[in-house]
Amino acid sequence: MATQAGRRWAVVTAAGGTVFIAAGAFWLSFTALADLARRSGIEAGQAWAWPLIVDGIIVVATVAVVALAGHRQAWYPWVLLAAGAVVSVTANAIHAVVAADADVPAVLAASVAAVPPLVLLAITHLTVILTRPTPATASDLSAEPPTAPVAVSGHAVMPSVSTAAVSRGEGREAAVLLREEEGWSNKQIARHLGVHPSTVGRWFARPALTGPDSEETT
């Protein structure tokens, strides 16, 4: 328990630090891009919208990349993320070259100006990862009810029923017994029976426990 509390505080502290750094990087990039927009002919009252669009797409695309990880549609937010990062870094570097003092080398000015958008890109991704729910650890699973045998169809069946047992309809009957006699949740039942929680929900939504369907055998 102490280890879990320490890990939770570490995540909270890291997430708070990343948000603070991301805010600073966004502000530096925002002011530079807003000034570049004014220098490019956009009115002062509208110049703030341009950096908001450029850097905003980095934040939104980063969140989308993490949310769609492993999905086929993840390529699109990756394209938006790359495009937004290229535009932001290039625009910050151009502004630094235009606005820097004459005695400052252009390469140095551009390199310094490119840091905030790159940090914004990296720190936003880190913030999203830190704020995602962590998977259940071994210590979390140990707190679940013991996997004692339950009686199904006249014989003992372990809670972790095999796929073959589910195909014979025993999984649905075991789920009812685990719910009524052990008080287990749908998530716990699904984990031990090797099925999806939605399948367990459909089992309990039916008025009668008849034969299995095709979805339960997948």
C-alpha atoms as a PDB file:
ATOM      1  CA  MET A   1       0.000   0.000   0.000  1.00  0.00           C
ATOM      2  CA  ALA A   2       2.841   2.391   0.859  1.00  0.00           C
ATOM      3  CA  THR A   3       4.479   1.642  -2.472  1.00  0.00           C
ATOM      4  CA  GLN A   4       1.259   2.433  -4.334  1.00  0.00           C
ATOM      5  CA  ALA A   5       0.846   5.714  -2.448  1.00  0.00           C
ATOM      6  CA  GLY A   6       4.442   6.704  -3.189  1.00  0.00           C
ATOM      7  CA  ARG A   7       4.041   5.874  -6.856  1.00  0.00           C
ATOM      8  CA  ARG A   8       0.819   7.885  -7.008  1.00  0.00           C
ATOM      9  CA  TRP A   9       2.488  10.943  -5.470  1.00  0.00           C
ATOM     10  CA  ALA A  10       5.414  10.583  -7.872  1.00  0.00           C
ATOM     11  CA  VAL A  11       3.049  10.547 -10.836  1.00  0.00           C
ATOM     12  CA  VAL A  12       1.140  13.568  -9.518  1.00  0.00           C
ATOM     13  CA  THR A  13       4.373  15.505  -8.965  1.00  0.00           C
ATOM     14  CA  ALA A  14       5.724  14.601 -12.397  1.00  0.00           C
ATOM     15  CA  ALA A  15       2.444  15.500 -14.069  1.00  0.00           C
ATOM     16  CA  GLY A  16       2.372  18.865 -12.288  1.00  0.00           C
ATOM     17  CA  GLY A  17       5.944  19.605 -13.362  1.00  0.00           C
ATOM     18  CA  THR A  18       5.268  18.681 -16.970  1.00  0.00           C
ATOM     19  CA  VAL A  19       2.205  20.929 -17.067  1.00  0.00           C
ATOM     20  CA  PHE A  20       4.265  23.824 -15.689  1.00  0.00           C
ATOM     21  CA  ILE A  21       7.044  23.291 -18.241  1.00  0.00           C
ATOM     22  CA  ALA A  22       4.534  22.876 -21.067  1.00  0.00           C
ATOM     23  CA  ALA A  23       2.880  26.173 -20.105  1.00  0.00           C
ATOM     24  CA  GLY A  24       6.236  27.972 -20.225  1.00  0.00           C
ATOM     25  CA  ALA A  25       7.183  26.446 -23.571  1.00  0.00           C
ATOM     26  CA  PHE A  26       3.773  27.275 -25.005  1.00  0.00           C
ATOM     27  CA  TRP A  27       4.036  30.888 -23.845  1.00  0.00           C
ATOM     28  CA  LEU A  28       7.493  31.417 -25.358  1.00  0.00           C
ATOM     29  CA  SER A  29       6.423  29.880 -28.640  1.00  0.00           C
ATOM     30  CA  PHE A  30       3.113  31.771 -28.554  1.00  0.00           C
ATOM     31  CA  THR A  31       4.715  35.201 -28.160  1.00  0.00           C
ATOM     32  CA  ALA A  32       7.274  34.516 -30.885  1.00  0.00           C
ATOM     33  CA  LEU A  33       4.690  33.286 -33.372  1.00  0.00           C
ATOM     34  CA  ALA A  34       2.306  36.127 -32.549  1.00  0.00           C
ATOM     35  CA  ASP A  35       5.061  38.668 -33.209  1.00  0.00           C
ATOM     36  CA  LEU A  36       5.929  36.904 -36.477  1.00  0.00           C
ATOM     37  CA  ALA A  37       2.264  37.052 -37.495  1.00  0.00           C
ATOM     38  CA  ARG A  38       2.188  40.816 -36.831  1.00  0.00           C
ATOM     39  CA  ARG A  39       5.371  41.295 -38.814  1.00  0.00           C
ATOM     40  CA  SER A  40       3.788  39.304 -41.659  1.00  0.00           C
ATOM     41  CA  GLY A  41       0.839  41.678 -41.969  1.00  0.00           C
ATOM     42  CA  ILE A  42      -1.778  40.168 -39.666  1.00  0.00           C
ATOM     43  CA  GLU A  43      -3.472  42.801 -37.511  1.00  0.00           C
ATOM     44  CA  ALA A  44      -2.395  42.956 -33.873  1.00  0.00           C
ATOM     45  CA  GLY A  45      -5.879  42.083 -32.663  1.00  0.00           C
ATOM     46  CA  GLN A  46      -5.863  38.860 -34.692  1.00  0.00           C
ATOM     47  CA  ALA A  47      -2.214  37.853 -34.488  1.00  0.00           C
ATOM     48  CA  TRP A  48      -2.798  35.826 -31.309  1.00  0.00           C
ATOM     49  CA  ALA A  49      -4.957  33.333 -33.220  1.00  0.00           C
ATOM     50  CA  TRP A  50      -2.123  32.156 -35.477  1.00  0.00           C
ATOM     51  CA  PRO A  51       0.159  30.723 -32.752  1.00  0.00           C
ATOM     52  CA  LEU A  52      -2.904  29.308 -31.020  1.00  0.00           C
ATOM     53  CA  ILE A  53      -3.699  27.328 -34.170  1.00  0.00           C
ATOM     54  CA  VAL A  54      -0.113  26.208 -34.827  1.00  0.00           C
ATOM     55  CA  ASP A  55       0.801  25.166 -31.278  1.00  0.00           C
ATOM     56  CA  GLY A  56      -2.733  24.102 -30.414  1.00  0.00           C
ATOM     57  CA  ILE A  57      -2.686  21.435 -33.097  1.00  0.00           C
ATOM     58  CA  ILE A  58       0.470  19.983 -31.493  1.00  0.00           C
ATOM     59  CA  VAL A  59      -1.322  19.558 -28.166  1.00  0.00           C
ATOM     60  CA  VAL A  60      -4.512  18.152 -29.676  1.00  0.00           C
ATOM     61  CA  ALA A  61      -2.679  15.805 -32.060  1.00  0.00           C
ATOM     62  CA  THR A  62      -0.456  14.507 -29.244  1.00  0.00           C
ATOM     63  CA  VAL A  63      -3.495  13.624 -27.130  1.00  0.00           C
ATOM     64  CA  ALA A  64      -5.088  11.941 -30.152  1.00  0.00           C
ATOM     65  CA  VAL A  65      -1.921   9.931 -30.859  1.00  0.00           C
ATOM     66  CA  VAL A  66      -1.885   8.535 -27.329  1.00  0.00           C
ATOM     67  CA  ALA A  67      -5.647   7.914 -27.302  1.00  0.00           C
ATOM     68  CA  LEU A  68      -5.574   6.057 -30.648  1.00  0.00           C
ATOM     69  CA  ALA A  69      -2.413   4.065 -29.947  1.00  0.00           C
ATOM     70  CA  GLY A  70      -2.671   0.718 -31.691  1.00  0.00           C
ATOM     71  CA  HIS A  71      -5.638   1.736 -33.842  1.00  0.00           C
ATOM     72  CA  ARG A  72      -5.569   1.882 -37.614  1.00  0.00           C
ATOM     73  CA  GLN A  73      -6.669   5.538 -37.602  1.00  0.00           C
ATOM     74  CA  ALA A  74      -3.613   6.617 -35.567  1.00  0.00           C
ATOM     75  CA  TRP A  75      -1.731   7.629 -38.740  1.00  0.00           C
ATOM     76  CA  TYR A  76      -3.825  10.787 -39.153  1.00  0.00           C
ATOM     77  CA  PRO A  77      -3.023  12.440 -35.782  1.00  0.00           C
ATOM     78  CA  TRP A  78       0.628  11.474 -36.381  1.00  0.00           C
ATOM     79  CA  VAL A  79       0.549  13.418 -39.665  1.00  0.00           C
ATOM     80  CA  LEU A  80      -1.056  16.413 -37.942  1.00  0.00           C
ATOM     81  CA  LEU A  81       1.485  16.208 -35.123  1.00  0.00           C
ATOM     82  CA  ALA A  82       4.439  16.132 -37.503  1.00  0.00           C
ATOM     83  CA  ALA A  83       3.040  18.968 -39.632  1.00  0.00           C
ATOM     84  CA  GLY A  84       2.313  21.147 -36.605  1.00  0.00           C
ATOM     85  CA  ALA A  85       5.770  20.527 -35.144  1.00  0.00           C
ATOM     86  CA  VAL A  86       7.517  21.387 -38.426  1.00  0.00           C
ATOM     87  CA  VAL A  87       5.522  24.599 -38.855  1.00  0.00           C
ATOM     88  CA  SER A  88       6.029  25.682 -35.242  1.00  0.00           C
ATOM     89  CA  VAL A  89       9.783  24.985 -35.160  1.00  0.00           C
ATOM     90  CA  THR A  90      10.354  26.622 -38.546  1.00  0.00           C
ATOM     91  CA  ALA A  91       8.285  29.694 -37.680  1.00  0.00           C
ATOM     92  CA  ASN A  92      10.028  30.140 -34.322  1.00  0.00           C
ATOM     93  CA  ALA A  93      13.422  29.880 -36.011  1.00  0.00           C
ATOM     94  CA  ILE A  94      12.469  32.413 -38.705  1.00  0.00           C
ATOM     95  CA  HIS A  95      11.218  34.847 -36.076  1.00  0.00           C
ATOM     96  CA  ALA A  96      14.472  34.526 -34.156  1.00  0.00           C
ATOM     97  CA  VAL A  97      16.508  35.303 -37.276  1.00  0.00           C
ATOM     98  CA  VAL A  98      14.324  38.298 -38.112  1.00  0.00           C
ATOM     99  CA  ALA A  99      14.133  39.748 -34.602  1.00  0.00           C
ATOM    100  CA  ALA A 100      17.623  38.902 -33.281  1.00  0.00           C
ATOM    101  CA  ASP A 101      20.296  41.543 -32.800  1.00  0.00           C
ATOM    102  CA  ALA A 102      22.785  41.970 -35.581  1.00  0.00           C
ATOM    103  CA  ASP A 103      25.680  40.663 -33.464  1.00  0.00           C
ATOM    104  CA  VAL A 104      23.900  37.359 -32.701  1.00  0.00           C
ATOM    105  CA  PRO A 105      24.618  34.579 -35.227  1.00  0.00           C
ATOM    106  CA  ALA A 106      21.504  33.511 -37.103  1.00  0.00           C
ATOM    107  CA  VAL A 107      22.170  29.840 -36.410  1.00  0.00           C
ATOM    108  CA  LEU A 108      22.357  30.464 -32.670  1.00  0.00           C
ATOM    109  CA  ALA A 109      19.189  32.530 -32.637  1.00  0.00           C
ATOM    110  CA  ALA A 110      17.301  29.922 -34.645  1.00  0.00           C
ATOM    111  CA  SER A 111      18.533  27.080 -32.423  1.00  0.00           C
ATOM    112  CA  VAL A 112      17.468  28.844 -29.231  1.00  0.00           C
ATOM    113  CA  ALA A 113      14.046  29.684 -30.678  1.00  0.00           C
ATOM    114  CA  ALA A 114      13.459  26.080 -31.771  1.00  0.00           C
ATOM    115  CA  VAL A 115      13.716  24.764 -28.198  1.00  0.00           C
ATOM    116  CA  PRO A 116      10.268  25.868 -26.885  1.00  0.00           C
ATOM    117  CA  PRO A 117       8.178  24.180 -29.621  1.00  0.00           C
ATOM    118  CA  LEU A 118      10.247  20.997 -29.371  1.00  0.00           C
ATOM    119  CA  VAL A 119       9.868  20.969 -25.581  1.00  0.00           C
ATOM    120  CA  LEU A 120       6.138  21.603 -25.975  1.00  0.00           C
ATOM    121  CA  LEU A 121       5.889  18.601 -28.281  1.00  0.00           C
ATOM    122  CA  ALA A 122       7.819  16.279 -25.955  1.00  0.00           C
ATOM    123  CA  ILE A 123       6.319  17.473 -22.680  1.00  0.00           C
ATOM    124  CA  THR A 124       2.740  17.288 -23.945  1.00  0.00           C
ATOM    125  CA  HIS A 125       3.249  13.660 -24.916  1.00  0.00           C
ATOM    126  CA  LEU A 126       4.769  12.930 -21.504  1.00  0.00           C
ATOM    127  CA  THR A 127       1.903  14.659 -19.694  1.00  0.00           C
ATOM    128  CA  VAL A 128      -0.699  12.602 -21.527  1.00  0.00           C
ATOM    129  CA  ILE A 129       1.158   9.371 -20.741  1.00  0.00           C
ATOM    130  CA  LEU A 130       1.464  10.253 -17.038  1.00  0.00           C
ATOM    131  CA  THR A 131      -2.221  11.043 -16.712  1.00  0.00           C
ATOM    132  CA  ARG A 132      -3.347   7.773 -18.317  1.00  0.00           C
ATOM    133  CA  PRO A 133      -4.644   5.090 -15.933  1.00  0.00           C
ATOM    134  CA  THR A 134      -1.930   2.624 -15.021  1.00  0.00           C
ATOM    135  CA  PRO A 135      -2.593  -1.082 -15.657  1.00  0.00           C
ATOM    136  CA  ALA A 136      -3.384  -3.325 -12.736  1.00  0.00           C
ATOM    137  CA  THR A 137      -0.293  -4.611 -10.962  1.00  0.00           C
ATOM    138  CA  ALA A 138       0.244  -7.943  -9.261  1.00  0.00           C
ATOM    139  CA  SER A 139      -0.449  -6.381  -5.861  1.00  0.00           C
ATOM    140  CA  ASP A 140      -3.776  -5.022  -7.137  1.00  0.00           C
ATOM    141  CA  LEU A 141      -4.819  -8.429  -8.430  1.00  0.00           C
ATOM    142  CA  SER A 142      -3.907 -10.092  -5.145  1.00  0.00           C
ATOM    143  CA  ALA A 143      -6.690  -8.150  -3.425  1.00  0.00           C
ATOM    144  CA  GLU A 144      -9.358  -9.875  -5.536  1.00  0.00           C
ATOM    145  CA  PRO A 145     -11.472 -12.755  -4.155  1.00  0.00           C
ATOM    146  CA  PRO A 146      -9.727 -16.158  -4.137  1.00  0.00           C
ATOM    147  CA  THR A 147     -10.221 -18.371  -7.148  1.00  0.00           C
ATOM    148  CA  ALA A 148     -12.007 -21.147  -5.320  1.00  0.00           C
ATOM    149  CA  PRO A 149     -13.858 -23.791  -7.337  1.00  0.00           C
ATOM    150  CA  VAL A 150     -17.575 -23.270  -7.897  1.00  0.00           C
ATOM    151  CA  ALA A 151     -20.160 -25.877  -8.781  1.00  0.00           C
ATOM    152  CA  VAL A 152     -21.413 -25.730 -12.352  1.00  0.00           C
ATOM    153  CA  SER A 153     -23.696 -28.334 -13.917  1.00  0.00           C
ATOM    154  CA  GLY A 154     -23.029 -30.781 -11.087  1.00  0.00           C
ATOM    155  CA  HIS A 155     -19.222 -30.618 -11.095  1.00  0.00           C
ATOM    156  CA  ALA A 156     -16.509 -28.251  -9.881  1.00  0.00           C
ATOM    157  CA  VAL A 157     -15.198 -25.667 -12.309  1.00  0.00           C
ATOM    158  CA  MET A 158     -12.426 -23.187 -11.538  1.00  0.00           C
ATOM    159  CA  PRO A 159     -13.319 -19.483 -12.049  1.00  0.00           C
ATOM    160  CA  SER A 160     -10.746 -19.251 -14.830  1.00  0.00           C
ATOM    161  CA  VAL A 161     -12.874 -21.353 -17.154  1.00  0.00           C
ATOM    162  CA  SER A 162     -11.262 -22.386 -20.422  1.00  0.00           C
ATOM    163  CA  THR A 163     -12.481 -21.314 -23.840  1.00  0.00           C
ATOM    164  CA  ALA A 164     -13.886 -24.783 -24.407  1.00  0.00           C
ATOM    165  CA  ALA A 165     -15.952 -24.509 -21.242  1.00  0.00           C
ATOM    166  CA  VAL A 166     -17.317 -21.137 -22.337  1.00  0.00           C
ATOM    167  CA  SER A 167     -18.257 -22.666 -25.702  1.00  0.00           C
ATOM    168  CA  ARG A 168     -20.302 -25.309 -23.856  1.00  0.00           C
ATOM    169  CA  GLY A 169     -22.255 -22.648 -21.974  1.00  0.00           C
ATOM    170  CA  GLU A 170     -20.593 -23.312 -18.606  1.00  0.00           C
ATOM    171  CA  GLY A 171     -18.998 -19.875 -18.583  1.00  0.00           C
ATOM    172  CA  ARG A 172     -22.378 -18.171 -18.433  1.00  0.00           C
ATOM    173  CA  GLU A 173     -23.573 -20.398 -15.597  1.00  0.00           C
ATOM    174  CA  ALA A 174     -20.314 -19.847 -13.714  1.00  0.00           C
ATOM    175  CA  ALA A 175     -20.757 -16.109 -14.129  1.00  0.00           C
ATOM    176  CA  VAL A 176     -24.187 -16.254 -12.480  1.00  0.00           C
ATOM    177  CA  LEU A 177     -22.833 -18.270  -9.551  1.00  0.00           C
ATOM    178  CA  LEU A 178     -19.879 -15.915  -9.095  1.00  0.00           C
ATOM    179  CA  ARG A 179     -22.229 -12.927  -9.109  1.00  0.00           C
ATOM    180  CA  GLU A 180     -24.838 -14.382  -6.747  1.00  0.00           C
ATOM    181  CA  GLU A 181     -22.664 -16.383  -4.333  1.00  0.00           C
ATOM    182  CA  GLU A 182     -19.343 -14.529  -4.378  1.00  0.00           C
ATOM    183  CA  GLY A 183     -20.532 -11.005  -5.188  1.00  0.00           C
ATOM    184  CA  TRP A 184     -17.949 -10.510  -7.943  1.00  0.00           C
ATOM    185  CA  SER A 185     -18.169  -7.621 -10.396  1.00  0.00           C
ATOM    186  CA  ASN A 186     -18.519  -8.042 -14.155  1.00  0.00           C
ATOM    187  CA  LYS A 187     -14.880  -7.035 -14.619  1.00  0.00           C
ATOM    188  CA  GLN A 188     -13.627  -9.659 -12.151  1.00  0.00           C
ATOM    189  CA  ILE A 189     -15.835 -12.338 -13.688  1.00  0.00           C
ATOM    190  CA  ALA A 190     -14.670 -11.463 -17.213  1.00  0.00           C
ATOM    191  CA  ARG A 191     -10.998 -11.606 -16.194  1.00  0.00           C
ATOM    192  CA  HIS A 192     -11.313 -15.061 -14.647  1.00  0.00           C
ATOM    193  CA  LEU A 193     -13.503 -16.493 -17.397  1.00  0.00           C
ATOM    194  CA  GLY A 194     -11.293 -15.109 -20.147  1.00  0.00           C
ATOM    195  CA  VAL A 195     -14.046 -13.099 -21.878  1.00  0.00           C
ATOM    196  CA  HIS A 196     -14.742  -9.414 -22.463  1.00  0.00           C
ATOM    197  CA  PRO A 197     -16.716  -7.513 -19.760  1.00  0.00           C
ATOM    198  CA  SER A 198     -19.374  -6.655 -22.357  1.00  0.00           C
ATOM    199  CA  THR A 199     -19.962 -10.366 -22.876  1.00  0.00           C
ATOM    200  CA  VAL A 200     -20.609 -10.812 -19.159  1.00  0.00           C
ATOM    201  CA  GLY A 201     -22.997  -7.876 -19.287  1.00  0.00           C
ATOM    202  CA  ARG A 202     -24.939  -9.518 -22.105  1.00  0.00           C
ATOM    203  CA  TRP A 203     -25.137 -12.747 -20.116  1.00  0.00           C
ATOM    204  CA  PHE A 204     -26.858 -11.015 -17.206  1.00  0.00           C
ATOM    205  CA  ALA A 205     -29.111  -9.027 -19.525  1.00  0.00           C
ATOM    206  CA  ARG A 206     -30.720 -12.221 -20.852  1.00  0.00           C
ATOM    207  CA  PRO A 207     -33.809 -13.630 -19.111  1.00  0.00           C
ATOM    208  CA  ALA A 208     -32.668 -17.246 -19.419  1.00  0.00           C
ATOM    209  CA  LEU A 209     -29.347 -19.068 -19.514  1.00  0.00           C
ATOM    210  CA  THR A 210     -29.657 -21.027 -22.720  1.00  0.00           C
ATOM    211  CA  GLY A 211     -27.040 -22.172 -25.194  1.00  0.00           C
ATOM    212  CA  PRO A 212     -23.997 -20.046 -26.107  1.00  0.00           C
ATOM    213  CA  ASP A 213     -23.891 -17.655 -29.005  1.00  0.00           C
ATOM    214  CA  SER A 214     -21.191 -17.019 -31.547  1.00  0.00           C
ATOM    215  CA  GLU A 215     -19.845 -13.960 -29.727  1.00  0.00           C
ATOM    216  CA  GLU A 216     -19.017 -15.974 -26.597  1.00  0.00           C
ATOM    217  CA  THR A 217     -16.840 -18.438 -28.477  1.00  0.00           C
ATOM    218  CA  THR A 218     -14.523 -15.765 -29.911  1.00  0.00           C
END
